[in-house]
């Protein structure tokens, strides 16, 4: 899949210049559009290349894999922000996240959460929330940052797996993960996906 802002349809021919970031020349390929999917910020295109050697295919796969690994490595060094007013609960969540070898920072107030998320010098790999889902003002802020910044957000459910109505609506966003239950393994799964 390739993203772009052009309004192309299946069957259109496209010419791509692919920078493999290996110090070699740019790869030049011609292909045809197979599928088009509209998105909020442009269009995604599935492109088929009728003439593609095994070496070219391997070079593209390797470049994509290297880019994904670089992105994952960069994200893994960013801390996770935990927004939880109750100290004992916040410290328990922070402790679990640290046990996975991840950096974590915690805040207990809405003002601190906003200050942290608006600070341009500090980036976060994601946001973890729990009891603030019952606070309408807090959820307005969480939803704003989740939607506008594409901030990966993890909403921890109640011990019985339930979510309040506002959290259920937010859980439908692609950036949001909701573990089935509040457990160590489910938290780790949500952080790694």
Protein backbone atom coordinates (compact mmCIF):
# COMPACT_ATOMS: atom_id res chain seq x y z
CA UNK A 1 0.00 0.00 0.00
CA UNK A 2 1.23 3.47 -0.92
CA UNK A 3 -0.26 6.68 0.43
CA UNK A 4 -0.77 9.79 -1.61
CA UNK A 5 -3.05 12.72 -2.24
CA UNK A 6 -3.92 12.07 -5.86
CA UNK A 7 -7.34 10.91 -6.93
CA UNK A 8 -6.33 7.76 -8.80
CA UNK A 9 -8.57 4.88 -9.80
CA UNK A 10 -7.91 1.17 -10.44
CA UNK A 11 -6.20 0.70 -13.78
CA UNK A 12 -4.22 3.96 -13.76
CA UNK A 13 -0.51 3.62 -14.40
CA UNK A 14 1.84 5.13 -11.85
CA UNK A 15 5.58 5.66 -11.76
CA UNK A 16 7.29 5.35 -8.38
CA UNK A 17 10.76 6.37 -7.30
CA UNK A 18 11.65 4.34 -4.24
CA UNK A 19 14.48 5.47 -1.97
CA UNK A 20 15.75 2.31 -0.30
CA UNK A 21 17.89 4.31 2.16
CA UNK A 22 20.87 2.06 1.52
CA UNK A 23 23.09 4.59 -0.22
CA UNK A 24 22.26 3.04 -3.58
CA UNK A 25 20.45 4.73 -6.44
CA UNK A 26 16.73 5.28 -6.23
CA UNK A 27 14.69 2.39 -7.63
CA UNK A 28 12.36 3.40 -10.46
CA UNK A 29 9.27 1.24 -11.05
CA UNK A 30 6.09 1.49 -13.10
CA UNK A 31 2.94 -0.24 -11.91
CA UNK A 32 -0.82 -0.12 -12.09
CA UNK A 33 -3.28 0.83 -9.38
CA UNK A 34 -5.26 -2.21 -8.19
CA UNK A 35 -7.23 -0.81 -5.21
CA UNK A 36 -7.93 2.66 -3.85
CA UNK A 37 -9.06 3.46 -0.34
CA UNK A 38 -9.97 6.99 0.75
CA UNK A 39 -8.64 8.13 4.09
CA UNK A 40 -8.89 11.32 6.12
CA UNK A 41 -5.47 12.59 5.06
CA UNK A 42 -5.31 11.29 1.51
CA UNK A 43 -5.65 8.04 -0.32
CA UNK A 44 -4.10 4.58 0.01
CA UNK A 45 -3.22 2.77 -3.17
CA UNK A 46 -2.51 -0.92 -3.75
CA UNK A 47 -0.14 -1.03 -6.69
CA UNK A 48 0.85 -4.08 -8.73
CA UNK A 49 4.18 -4.18 -10.54
CA UNK A 50 4.01 -6.48 -13.59
CA UNK A 51 7.78 -6.53 -14.09
CA UNK A 52 9.59 -6.91 -10.80
CA UNK A 53 12.71 -9.02 -10.38
CA UNK A 54 13.31 -11.13 -7.29
CA UNK A 55 16.24 -8.84 -6.38
CA UNK A 56 14.04 -5.73 -6.63
CA UNK A 57 11.33 -7.38 -4.53
CA UNK A 58 13.88 -8.40 -1.89
CA UNK A 59 15.35 -4.87 -1.82
CA UNK A 60 11.88 -3.35 -1.29
CA UNK A 61 11.00 -5.86 1.45
CA UNK A 62 14.31 -5.23 3.22
CA UNK A 63 13.85 -1.43 3.04
CA UNK A 64 10.35 -1.67 4.49
CA UNK A 65 11.53 -4.00 7.26
CA UNK A 66 14.42 -1.66 8.14
CA UNK A 67 12.04 1.32 8.26
CA UNK A 68 9.61 -0.55 10.51
CA UNK A 69 12.39 -1.63 12.85
CA UNK A 70 13.73 1.95 13.04
CA UNK A 71 10.24 3.26 13.84
CA UNK A 72 9.68 0.56 16.48
CA UNK A 73 13.08 1.24 18.05
CA UNK A 74 12.38 4.98 18.20
CA UNK A 75 8.94 4.39 19.72
CA UNK A 76 10.29 1.90 22.26
CA UNK A 77 12.57 4.57 23.75
CA UNK A 78 9.72 7.00 24.24
CA UNK A 79 8.03 6.89 27.64
CA UNK A 80 4.42 5.92 28.16
CA UNK A 81 2.31 8.51 30.02
CA UNK A 82 -0.02 7.16 32.70
CA UNK A 83 -2.88 9.50 33.62
CA UNK A 84 -4.48 8.17 36.81
CA UNK A 85 -5.62 10.28 39.80
CA UNK A 86 -5.43 7.46 42.35
CA UNK A 87 -1.83 7.15 43.51
CA UNK A 88 -1.89 3.45 44.39
CA UNK A 89 -3.46 2.50 41.05
CA UNK A 90 -1.12 4.79 39.08
CA UNK A 91 1.95 3.34 40.79
CA UNK A 92 0.73 -0.21 40.10
CA UNK A 93 0.27 0.56 36.39
CA UNK A 94 3.66 2.32 36.21
CA UNK A 95 5.34 -0.64 37.93
CA UNK A 96 3.85 -3.08 35.42
CA UNK A 97 4.97 -0.97 32.47
CA UNK A 98 8.50 -0.64 33.88
CA UNK A 99 8.64 -4.42 34.35
CA UNK A 100 8.32 -4.72 30.54
CA UNK A 101 11.49 -2.62 30.16
CA UNK A 102 9.60 0.48 29.03
CA UNK A 103 10.03 4.03 30.25
CA UNK A 104 7.01 5.50 32.01
CA UNK A 105 5.88 8.82 33.41
CA UNK A 106 2.78 9.37 35.52
CA UNK A 107 0.44 12.28 36.26
CA UNK A 108 -2.48 12.52 38.66
CA UNK A 109 -4.31 15.64 37.46
CA UNK A 110 -5.94 16.82 34.28
CA UNK A 111 -3.80 19.99 34.27
CA UNK A 112 -0.60 17.92 34.49
CA UNK A 113 -1.78 15.59 31.72
CA UNK A 114 -2.52 18.54 29.42
CA UNK A 115 0.82 20.16 30.25
CA UNK A 116 2.71 16.94 29.46
CA UNK A 117 0.84 16.23 26.24
CA UNK A 118 1.19 19.80 24.95
CA UNK A 119 4.92 20.01 25.74
CA UNK A 120 6.61 19.97 22.34
CA UNK A 121 9.93 18.91 23.87
CA UNK A 122 8.47 15.69 25.26
CA UNK A 123 7.03 12.92 23.12
CA UNK A 124 5.18 9.86 24.40
CA UNK A 125 4.80 6.39 22.92
CA UNK A 126 1.25 6.34 24.25
CA UNK A 127 -1.18 7.21 27.00
CA UNK A 128 -2.63 4.78 29.55
CA UNK A 129 -5.82 5.70 31.41
CA UNK A 130 -8.07 3.89 33.86
CA UNK A 131 -10.42 5.62 36.30
CA UNK A 132 -10.41 8.96 34.45
CA UNK A 133 -12.87 7.39 32.01
CA UNK A 134 -15.62 8.40 34.47
CA UNK A 135 -14.58 12.09 34.30
CA UNK A 136 -16.20 13.86 31.33
CA UNK A 137 -13.64 16.70 31.24
CA UNK A 138 -10.72 14.28 31.36
CA UNK A 139 -12.23 12.20 28.57
CA UNK A 140 -12.68 15.34 26.44
CA UNK A 141 -8.94 15.94 26.75
CA UNK A 142 -8.03 12.29 26.11
CA UNK A 143 -10.27 12.18 23.04
CA UNK A 144 -8.82 15.44 21.72
CA UNK A 145 -5.22 14.20 21.94
CA UNK A 146 -6.10 10.72 20.68
CA UNK A 147 -7.85 12.10 17.61
CA UNK A 148 -5.75 15.18 16.82
CA UNK A 149 -2.31 13.76 17.60
CA UNK A 150 -3.05 10.13 16.68
CA UNK A 151 -1.84 9.34 20.19
CA UNK A 152 -1.93 5.63 20.93
CA UNK A 153 -4.21 5.35 23.94
CA UNK A 154 -4.79 2.34 26.16
CA UNK A 155 -7.96 2.31 28.22
CA UNK A 156 -7.80 -0.16 31.08
CA UNK A 157 -11.25 -1.60 31.83
CA UNK A 158 -12.85 -2.20 35.20
CA UNK A 159 -11.94 -5.53 36.90
CA UNK A 160 -15.02 -7.15 35.31
CA UNK A 161 -13.93 -5.93 31.84
CA UNK A 162 -16.62 -3.22 31.64
CA UNK A 163 -16.14 0.25 30.15
CA UNK A 164 -18.23 3.36 30.65
CA UNK A 165 -20.20 4.57 27.59
CA UNK A 166 -17.70 7.36 26.73
CA UNK A 167 -14.77 4.94 26.85
CA UNK A 168 -16.67 2.47 24.65
CA UNK A 169 -17.12 5.16 21.98
CA UNK A 170 -13.45 6.12 22.19
CA UNK A 171 -12.45 2.45 21.99
CA UNK A 172 -13.72 2.35 18.39
CA UNK A 173 -10.86 4.61 17.22
CA UNK A 174 -7.94 2.87 15.49
CA UNK A 175 -5.40 4.44 17.88
CA UNK A 176 -7.14 3.05 20.97
CA UNK A 177 -6.46 -0.33 22.56
CA UNK A 178 -8.64 -1.84 25.26
CA UNK A 179 -7.39 -4.98 26.97
CA UNK A 180 -10.14 -7.56 27.55
CA UNK A 181 -9.37 -7.56 31.26
CA UNK A 182 -7.00 -5.61 33.51
CA UNK A 183 -4.12 -8.06 33.72
CA UNK A 184 -0.37 -8.03 33.24
CA UNK A 185 -0.46 -10.08 30.03
CA UNK A 186 -3.31 -8.03 28.52
CA UNK A 187 -1.52 -4.77 29.37
CA UNK A 188 1.66 -6.03 27.72
CA UNK A 189 -0.29 -7.10 24.63
CA UNK A 190 -1.95 -3.66 24.36
CA UNK A 191 1.41 -1.88 24.74
CA UNK A 192 3.11 -4.00 22.07
CA UNK A 193 0.33 -3.84 19.44
